[in-house]
Amino acid sequence: MTSSLPETKTGLRLGLASAAVAGCLGMVLLAGLPVRADDSNPVLAKVNGSEIRQSDVALAEEELGPSLAQMDPATKKDNVLSFLIDMKIVAKAAEDKKVEDSQEFKKRLAFTRNRLLMDTLLGQEGKTATTDDAMKKVYDEASKQITGEQEVHARHILVETEDEAKAIEDELKKGADFAELAKKKSKDPGASDGGDLGFFTKEQMVPEFSSVAFSLEPGKISDPVKSQFGWHIIKVEEKRSRKAPEFDQVKGQIETYVTRKAQADYVAKLRQTAKIERMDQPAETAKTEAGKPEAAKPAAPTTAPAKK
């Protein structure tokens, strides 16, 4: 599924993802009100009298998540706390040097503020929209689209030339085992599994391959078939009507889709009432573009697990 907004270096998520921008955020936090004493939010360190609490560590872990993924909990906490200590020290040094008075800092701070406001609001909109009823509705609609579609379970042997394919065809006619020949002679990555492709729909394979595979009866073997990948010998194992997977199997995909669609719709709605002027485009083009949402709506989810 596609994102509801264009990707940036920070991505569409609450908060910021780089140490540099986190530093800017840290300076903003330094000017905020102190957190009220709370046993569930203990002070973990002090830097020149300024407190660092458990909630600060939790926020930093959220912002720095990808870089901490491989660490065990104790190492992660120690690294994050060390980062926050350094951030406090450097932020204070930056204040002393009046860094915040520079135009560059003000530009970055304004950008950071707008981005944080946007991400927070869109996060709220997405969360509000992602109800069980909304997800079940998307699931039911997607299920109707795929239920009953035919799937084929097949194996194949892929070789470079037609002569090789014909030679394999002769061996199969003499009684050779298809899976064993695939292991020995197929250049396809699935050769080690006896050329097993599992179940697939027509659209999941190139037309030349699908046309033959779906015309064969189970147990039958094709003549050599040419595609952009080389020459195939195909054996159909089974045919069935496709069934939608259980809701729980695809719940994560559906949740992401509903969230991003809600965010895209919200942005599109705001754009309809906003006055947008594009100075980088001719007047007529700018007028047309101003009425369009910048991001396409996310593609409808599939209720089928992704094929390897």
Foldseek 3Di string as FASTA:
>chain_A
DDFLDDQDPQGQAAAGADLVLVLLVLLVVVPDDDDDDDPVWDFPDAAVRRTDTPVNLVVQCVRHVVVCVPPDPVVSSVVSVVSSNVSVVVSVVCVVVVVCVDPVSVVSSVVNVVSNVLSVVLVVLLVVQLDPVNLVVLLVVQQVVQFQAKKFWKFKAFDAALVVQVVVVVVVVVPDDQLVCLLVHGPDPCNVVSRTQGIDGCVVDPNQVSVVRVVDDAQDWDRWTQDPRHTMIMHTHDMDGDGFDDCVVCVVVSSSLSSRQSSSVVQLVVLCPDDDADPVDPPVVRVVVSNDRPGDRDDRDHRDPDRD
